[in-house]
Amino acid sequence: MRMVLLVCWLIVPVAAGAYHFGPGQQRMLLDDAQKLVEQAQQDAASEQWAEAETKYEQALELLPEDRVHERRRVRLERAKAQMLVKKLPVAHRDMKALVEEMQQDENADADLLNESRRVLANSQYYITWLMRLEGKSKSQWEPEIESARQTFRMLAEDAKKAGNNDAAEQNQKDLESSVRLARMDLSDLQGLPLPSQ
């Protein structure tokens, strides 16, 4: 009996070491990524967007590829921060890719997809504003604002059906803003201050 207890006692450190150097390493990476996300959220809450973006980027580097939902959430939050640190084109490209990826995934979280669509539509609105100020032709900027308009309309209708009146109202306002932007004369647009988030 003593021999069995001694063997069991000697196996415990070996098993602990195997866990630590095996699955435990991934657990440590997930813990580190979670800490970075929490710090980034604190930075975003205090409007330190550059720091938030950097921490979201670091968290993405730590998150394994198989943690799809977590990676998508972090990509969305990173894009929000990028839009506020003058990285609109980068955020716009990543949001397009993220929304396309989620639309093709039947297991994608519906709420996360809708939030991603909303952020993409916002980026399209701001991209259109900048393209118009840069003197781009209507054929270049119109697809962006039309896509934003359609997305805001869909989100407003979905929110209304779900009984979320606040979200429906906000999406309706954004829809109206996108229509105004498309119809606005360039000279009127040039007289307005750049829109903020």
C-alpha atoms as a PDB file:
ATOM      1  CA  MET A   1       0.000   0.000   0.000  1.00  0.00           C
ATOM      2  CA  ARG A   2       2.846   2.346   0.825  1.00  0.00           C
ATOM      3  CA  MET A   3       4.401   1.746  -2.553  1.00  0.00           C
ATOM      4  CA  VAL A   4       1.154   2.690  -4.349  1.00  0.00           C
ATOM      5  CA  LEU A   5       0.918   5.941  -2.362  1.00  0.00           C
ATOM      6  CA  LEU A   6       4.560   6.758  -3.088  1.00  0.00           C
ATOM      7  CA  VAL A   7       4.104   6.176  -6.828  1.00  0.00           C
ATOM      8  CA  CYS A   8       0.952   8.317  -6.844  1.00  0.00           C
ATOM      9  CA  TRP A   9       2.767  11.055  -4.933  1.00  0.00           C
ATOM     10  CA  LEU A  10       5.606  11.031  -7.467  1.00  0.00           C
ATOM     11  CA  ILE A  11       3.198  11.141 -10.419  1.00  0.00           C
ATOM     12  CA  VAL A  12       1.511  14.360  -9.211  1.00  0.00           C
ATOM     13  CA  PRO A  13       4.444  16.708 -10.078  1.00  0.00           C
ATOM     14  CA  VAL A  14       4.900  14.992 -13.425  1.00  0.00           C
ATOM     15  CA  ALA A  15       1.194  15.452 -14.267  1.00  0.00           C
ATOM     16  CA  ALA A  16       1.288  19.078 -13.083  1.00  0.00           C
ATOM     17  CA  GLY A  17       4.366  19.752 -15.212  1.00  0.00           C
ATOM     18  CA  ALA A  18       2.777  18.120 -18.240  1.00  0.00           C
ATOM     19  CA  TYR A  19      -0.314  20.318 -17.836  1.00  0.00           C
ATOM     20  CA  HIS A  20       1.746  23.470 -17.280  1.00  0.00           C
ATOM     21  CA  PHE A  21       3.873  22.956 -20.391  1.00  0.00           C
ATOM     22  CA  GLY A  22       0.962  21.665 -22.475  1.00  0.00           C
ATOM     23  CA  PRO A  23      -2.608  22.991 -22.216  1.00  0.00           C
ATOM     24  CA  GLY A  24      -1.580  25.324 -19.407  1.00  0.00           C
ATOM     25  CA  GLN A  25       0.403  27.461 -21.846  1.00  0.00           C
ATOM     26  CA  GLN A  26      -2.687  28.167 -23.930  1.00  0.00           C
ATOM     27  CA  ARG A  27      -4.627  28.989 -20.753  1.00  0.00           C
ATOM     28  CA  MET A  28      -1.928  31.490 -19.798  1.00  0.00           C
ATOM     29  CA  LEU A  29      -2.134  33.112 -23.231  1.00  0.00           C
ATOM     30  CA  LEU A  30      -5.915  33.394 -22.914  1.00  0.00           C
ATOM     31  CA  ASP A  31      -5.523  34.972 -19.470  1.00  0.00           C
ATOM     32  CA  ASP A  32      -2.995  37.479 -20.835  1.00  0.00           C
ATOM     33  CA  ALA A  33      -5.278  38.315 -23.758  1.00  0.00           C
ATOM     34  CA  GLN A  34      -8.217  38.830 -21.375  1.00  0.00           C
ATOM     35  CA  LYS A  35      -6.141  41.212 -19.236  1.00  0.00           C
ATOM     36  CA  LEU A  36      -5.193  43.215 -22.335  1.00  0.00           C
ATOM     37  CA  VAL A  37      -8.834  43.417 -23.422  1.00  0.00           C
ATOM     38  CA  GLU A  38      -9.864  44.641 -19.974  1.00  0.00           C
ATOM     39  CA  GLN A  39      -7.106  47.282 -20.023  1.00  0.00           C
ATOM     40  CA  ALA A  40      -8.153  48.337 -23.524  1.00  0.00           C
ATOM     41  CA  GLN A  41     -11.756  48.696 -22.356  1.00  0.00           C
ATOM     42  CA  GLN A  42     -10.588  50.919 -19.507  1.00  0.00           C
ATOM     43  CA  ASP A  43      -8.546  53.006 -21.959  1.00  0.00           C
ATOM     44  CA  ALA A  44     -11.570  53.316 -24.248  1.00  0.00           C
ATOM     45  CA  ALA A  45     -13.782  54.337 -21.327  1.00  0.00           C
ATOM     46  CA  SER A  46     -11.327  57.146 -20.540  1.00  0.00           C
ATOM     47  CA  GLU A  47     -11.110  58.015 -24.262  1.00  0.00           C
ATOM     48  CA  GLN A  48      -7.470  56.999 -24.642  1.00  0.00           C
ATOM     49  CA  TRP A  49      -8.136  55.542 -28.057  1.00  0.00           C
ATOM     50  CA  ALA A  50      -4.532  55.029 -29.214  1.00  0.00           C
ATOM     51  CA  GLU A  51      -3.689  52.994 -26.115  1.00  0.00           C
ATOM     52  CA  ALA A  52      -6.910  51.019 -26.482  1.00  0.00           C
ATOM     53  CA  GLU A  53      -6.157  50.221 -30.116  1.00  0.00           C
ATOM     54  CA  THR A  54      -2.634  49.040 -29.245  1.00  0.00           C
ATOM     55  CA  LYS A  55      -3.908  46.756 -26.498  1.00  0.00           C
ATOM     56  CA  TYR A  56      -6.641  45.294 -28.694  1.00  0.00           C
ATOM     57  CA  GLU A  57      -3.964  44.594 -31.315  1.00  0.00           C
ATOM     58  CA  GLN A  58      -1.773  42.843 -28.729  1.00  0.00           C
ATOM     59  CA  ALA A  59      -4.742  40.803 -27.503  1.00  0.00           C
ATOM     60  CA  LEU A  60      -5.462  39.682 -31.073  1.00  0.00           C
ATOM     61  CA  GLU A  61      -1.868  38.470 -31.414  1.00  0.00           C
ATOM     62  CA  LEU A  62      -2.298  36.316 -28.294  1.00  0.00           C
ATOM     63  CA  LEU A  63      -5.721  34.870 -29.088  1.00  0.00           C
ATOM     64  CA  PRO A  64      -5.551  31.526 -30.903  1.00  0.00           C
ATOM     65  CA  GLU A  65      -7.252  31.263 -34.294  1.00  0.00           C
ATOM     66  CA  ASP A  66      -9.781  28.758 -32.958  1.00  0.00           C
ATOM     67  CA  ARG A  67     -11.225  31.371 -30.537  1.00  0.00           C
ATOM     68  CA  VAL A  68     -13.322  32.790 -33.382  1.00  0.00           C
ATOM     69  CA  HIS A  69     -15.992  34.631 -31.379  1.00  0.00           C
ATOM     70  CA  GLU A  70     -13.458  36.318 -29.076  1.00  0.00           C
ATOM     71  CA  ARG A  71     -11.261  37.330 -32.016  1.00  0.00           C
ATOM     72  CA  ARG A  72     -14.249  38.843 -33.833  1.00  0.00           C
ATOM     73  CA  ARG A  73     -15.273  40.837 -30.747  1.00  0.00           C
ATOM     74  CA  VAL A  74     -11.719  42.179 -30.332  1.00  0.00           C
ATOM     75  CA  ARG A  75     -11.495  43.055 -34.039  1.00  0.00           C
ATOM     76  CA  LEU A  76     -14.723  45.020 -33.750  1.00  0.00           C
ATOM     77  CA  GLU A  77     -13.540  46.932 -30.689  1.00  0.00           C
ATOM     78  CA  ARG A  78     -10.162  47.590 -32.314  1.00  0.00           C
ATOM     79  CA  ALA A  79     -11.908  49.035 -35.381  1.00  0.00           C
ATOM     80  CA  LYS A  80     -13.953  51.362 -33.174  1.00  0.00           C
ATOM     81  CA  ALA A  81     -10.745  52.627 -31.580  1.00  0.00           C
ATOM     82  CA  GLN A  82      -9.029  52.957 -34.978  1.00  0.00           C
ATOM     83  CA  MET A  83     -11.828  55.148 -36.252  1.00  0.00           C
ATOM     84  CA  LEU A  84     -11.106  57.543 -33.395  1.00  0.00           C
ATOM     85  CA  VAL A  85      -7.324  57.663 -33.929  1.00  0.00           C
ATOM     86  CA  LYS A  86      -7.490  58.682 -37.582  1.00  0.00           C
ATOM     87  CA  LYS A  87      -7.112  55.164 -38.979  1.00  0.00           C
ATOM     88  CA  LEU A  88     -10.479  55.187 -40.708  1.00  0.00           C
ATOM     89  CA  PRO A  89      -9.346  53.442 -43.933  1.00  0.00           C
ATOM     90  CA  VAL A  90      -7.742  50.598 -41.955  1.00  0.00           C
ATOM     91  CA  ALA A  91     -10.842  50.179 -39.767  1.00  0.00           C
ATOM     92  CA  HIS A  92     -13.079  50.353 -42.841  1.00  0.00           C
ATOM     93  CA  ARG A  93     -11.203  47.537 -44.614  1.00  0.00           C
ATOM     94  CA  ASP A  94     -11.178  45.317 -41.538  1.00  0.00           C
ATOM     95  CA  MET A  95     -14.873  45.869 -40.864  1.00  0.00           C
ATOM     96  CA  LYS A  96     -15.742  44.964 -44.463  1.00  0.00           C
ATOM     97  CA  ALA A  97     -13.747  41.750 -44.108  1.00  0.00           C
ATOM     98  CA  LEU A  98     -15.259  40.991 -40.696  1.00  0.00           C
ATOM     99  CA  VAL A  99     -18.868  41.501 -41.839  1.00  0.00           C
ATOM    100  CA  GLU A 100     -18.316  39.364 -44.965  1.00  0.00           C
ATOM    101  CA  GLU A 101     -16.722  36.630 -42.844  1.00  0.00           C
ATOM    102  CA  MET A 102     -19.597  36.644 -40.368  1.00  0.00           C
ATOM    103  CA  GLN A 103     -22.267  36.667 -43.068  1.00  0.00           C
ATOM    104  CA  GLN A 104     -20.796  33.456 -44.478  1.00  0.00           C
ATOM    105  CA  ASP A 105     -20.713  31.788 -41.046  1.00  0.00           C
ATOM    106  CA  GLU A 106     -24.112  30.379 -40.084  1.00  0.00           C
ATOM    107  CA  ASN A 107     -22.904  30.063 -36.468  1.00  0.00           C
ATOM    108  CA  ALA A 108     -21.952  33.729 -36.180  1.00  0.00           C
ATOM    109  CA  ASP A 109     -23.405  35.631 -33.228  1.00  0.00           C
ATOM    110  CA  ALA A 110     -26.329  37.688 -34.586  1.00  0.00           C
ATOM    111  CA  ASP A 111     -25.872  40.575 -32.137  1.00  0.00           C
ATOM    112  CA  LEU A 112     -22.167  40.813 -32.918  1.00  0.00           C
ATOM    113  CA  LEU A 113     -22.944  40.741 -36.646  1.00  0.00           C
ATOM    114  CA  ASN A 114     -25.454  43.591 -36.283  1.00  0.00           C
ATOM    115  CA  GLU A 115     -23.015  45.641 -34.232  1.00  0.00           C
ATOM    116  CA  SER A 116     -20.311  44.989 -36.840  1.00  0.00           C
ATOM    117  CA  ARG A 117     -22.683  46.056 -39.608  1.00  0.00           C
ATOM    118  CA  ARG A 118     -23.428  49.259 -37.715  1.00  0.00           C
ATOM    119  CA  VAL A 119     -19.728  50.073 -37.282  1.00  0.00           C
ATOM    120  CA  LEU A 120     -19.119  49.289 -40.968  1.00  0.00           C
ATOM    121  CA  ALA A 121     -21.985  51.586 -41.991  1.00  0.00           C
ATOM    122  CA  ASN A 122     -20.539  54.343 -39.794  1.00  0.00           C
ATOM    123  CA  SER A 123     -17.148  53.914 -41.426  1.00  0.00           C
ATOM    124  CA  GLN A 124     -18.788  54.059 -44.859  1.00  0.00           C
ATOM    125  CA  TYR A 125     -20.526  57.300 -43.871  1.00  0.00           C
ATOM    126  CA  TYR A 126     -17.239  58.927 -42.791  1.00  0.00           C
ATOM    127  CA  ILE A 127     -15.344  57.547 -45.800  1.00  0.00           C
ATOM    128  CA  THR A 128     -18.004  59.063 -48.073  1.00  0.00           C
ATOM    129  CA  TRP A 129     -17.699  62.413 -46.333  1.00  0.00           C
ATOM    130  CA  LEU A 130     -13.927  62.412 -46.843  1.00  0.00           C
ATOM    131  CA  MET A 131     -14.157  61.208 -50.454  1.00  0.00           C
ATOM    132  CA  ARG A 132     -16.558  64.002 -51.262  1.00  0.00           C
ATOM    133  CA  LEU A 133     -14.284  66.596 -49.652  1.00  0.00           C
ATOM    134  CA  GLU A 134     -11.348  65.194 -51.643  1.00  0.00           C
ATOM    135  CA  GLY A 135     -13.317  65.790 -54.837  1.00  0.00           C
ATOM    136  CA  LYS A 136     -13.837  62.142 -55.774  1.00  0.00           C
ATOM    137  CA  SER A 137     -16.455  61.488 -58.413  1.00  0.00           C
ATOM    138  CA  LYS A 138     -19.972  60.398 -57.513  1.00  0.00           C
ATOM    139  CA  SER A 139     -19.318  56.983 -59.026  1.00  0.00           C
ATOM    140  CA  GLN A 140     -16.563  56.498 -56.435  1.00  0.00           C
ATOM    141  CA  TRP A 141     -18.348  57.620 -53.264  1.00  0.00           C
ATOM    142  CA  GLU A 142     -21.944  56.708 -54.051  1.00  0.00           C
ATOM    143  CA  PRO A 143     -21.581  52.916 -53.525  1.00  0.00           C
ATOM    144  CA  GLU A 144     -20.226  53.537 -50.013  1.00  0.00           C
ATOM    145  CA  ILE A 145     -23.044  55.810 -48.875  1.00  0.00           C
ATOM    146  CA  GLU A 146     -25.678  53.652 -50.560  1.00  0.00           C
ATOM    147  CA  SER A 147     -24.382  50.602 -48.706  1.00  0.00           C
ATOM    148  CA  ALA A 148     -24.426  52.570 -45.429  1.00  0.00           C
ATOM    149  CA  ARG A 149     -27.980  53.737 -46.134  1.00  0.00           C
ATOM    150  CA  GLN A 150     -29.197  50.193 -46.800  1.00  0.00           C
ATOM    151  CA  THR A 151     -27.482  48.885 -43.662  1.00  0.00           C
ATOM    152  CA  PHE A 152     -28.940  51.599 -41.427  1.00  0.00           C
ATOM    153  CA  ARG A 153     -32.381  50.921 -42.892  1.00  0.00           C
ATOM    154  CA  MET A 154     -32.087  47.176 -42.275  1.00  0.00           C
ATOM    155  CA  LEU A 155     -30.824  47.733 -38.716  1.00  0.00           C
ATOM    156  CA  ALA A 156     -33.648  50.199 -37.984  1.00  0.00           C
ATOM    157  CA  GLU A 157     -36.273  47.758 -39.253  1.00  0.00           C
ATOM    158  CA  ASP A 158     -34.763  44.831 -37.330  1.00  0.00           C
ATOM    159  CA  ALA A 159     -34.574  46.854 -34.115  1.00  0.00           C
ATOM    160  CA  LYS A 160     -38.174  47.975 -34.524  1.00  0.00           C
ATOM    161  CA  LYS A 161     -39.325  44.364 -35.016  1.00  0.00           C
ATOM    162  CA  ALA A 162     -37.365  43.333 -31.915  1.00  0.00           C
ATOM    163  CA  GLY A 163     -39.031  46.105 -29.909  1.00  0.00           C
ATOM    164  CA  ASN A 164     -35.771  47.988 -29.315  1.00  0.00           C
ATOM    165  CA  ASN A 165     -37.082  51.504 -29.896  1.00  0.00           C
ATOM    166  CA  ASP A 166     -33.865  53.290 -28.860  1.00  0.00           C
ATOM    167  CA  ALA A 167     -31.774  51.361 -31.387  1.00  0.00           C
ATOM    168  CA  ALA A 168     -34.453  51.781 -34.046  1.00  0.00           C
ATOM    169  CA  GLU A 169     -34.521  55.534 -33.474  1.00  0.00           C
ATOM    170  CA  GLN A 170     -30.721  55.844 -33.591  1.00  0.00           C
ATOM    171  CA  ASN A 171     -30.476  53.788 -36.785  1.00  0.00           C
ATOM    172  CA  GLN A 172     -33.271  55.853 -38.323  1.00  0.00           C
ATOM    173  CA  LYS A 173     -31.357  59.059 -37.525  1.00  0.00           C
ATOM    174  CA  ASP A 174     -28.221  57.571 -39.077  1.00  0.00           C
ATOM    175  CA  LEU A 175     -30.244  56.564 -42.134  1.00  0.00           C
ATOM    176  CA  GLU A 176     -31.506  60.124 -42.520  1.00  0.00           C
ATOM    177  CA  SER A 177     -27.957  61.494 -42.108  1.00  0.00           C
ATOM    178  CA  SER A 178     -26.664  59.207 -44.841  1.00  0.00           C
ATOM    179  CA  VAL A 179     -29.446  60.299 -47.196  1.00  0.00           C
ATOM    180  CA  ARG A 180     -28.661  63.969 -46.452  1.00  0.00           C
ATOM    181  CA  LEU A 181     -24.954  63.387 -47.089  1.00  0.00           C
ATOM    182  CA  ALA A 182     -25.678  61.817 -50.478  1.00  0.00           C
ATOM    183  CA  ARG A 183     -27.948  64.683 -51.516  1.00  0.00           C
ATOM    184  CA  MET A 184     -25.927  67.540 -50.056  1.00  0.00           C
ATOM    185  CA  ASP A 185     -24.286  69.980 -52.429  1.00  0.00           C
ATOM    186  CA  LEU A 186     -20.495  69.952 -52.207  1.00  0.00           C
ATOM    187  CA  SER A 187     -20.305  73.661 -51.369  1.00  0.00           C
ATOM    188  CA  ASP A 188     -22.663  73.092 -48.421  1.00  0.00           C
ATOM    189  CA  LEU A 189     -20.609  70.090 -47.317  1.00  0.00           C
ATOM    190  CA  GLN A 190     -17.367  72.089 -47.409  1.00  0.00           C
ATOM    191  CA  GLY A 191     -18.889  74.662 -45.057  1.00  0.00           C
ATOM    192  CA  LEU A 192     -19.626  72.087 -42.363  1.00  0.00           C
ATOM    193  CA  PRO A 193     -17.166  70.893 -39.710  1.00  0.00           C
ATOM    194  CA  LEU A 194     -15.951  67.325 -40.050  1.00  0.00           C
ATOM    195  CA  PRO A 195     -18.337  64.956 -38.292  1.00  0.00           C
ATOM    196  CA  SER A 196     -17.259  63.315 -35.069  1.00  0.00           C
ATOM    197  CA  GLN A 197     -18.136  59.883 -33.738  1.00  0.00           C
END
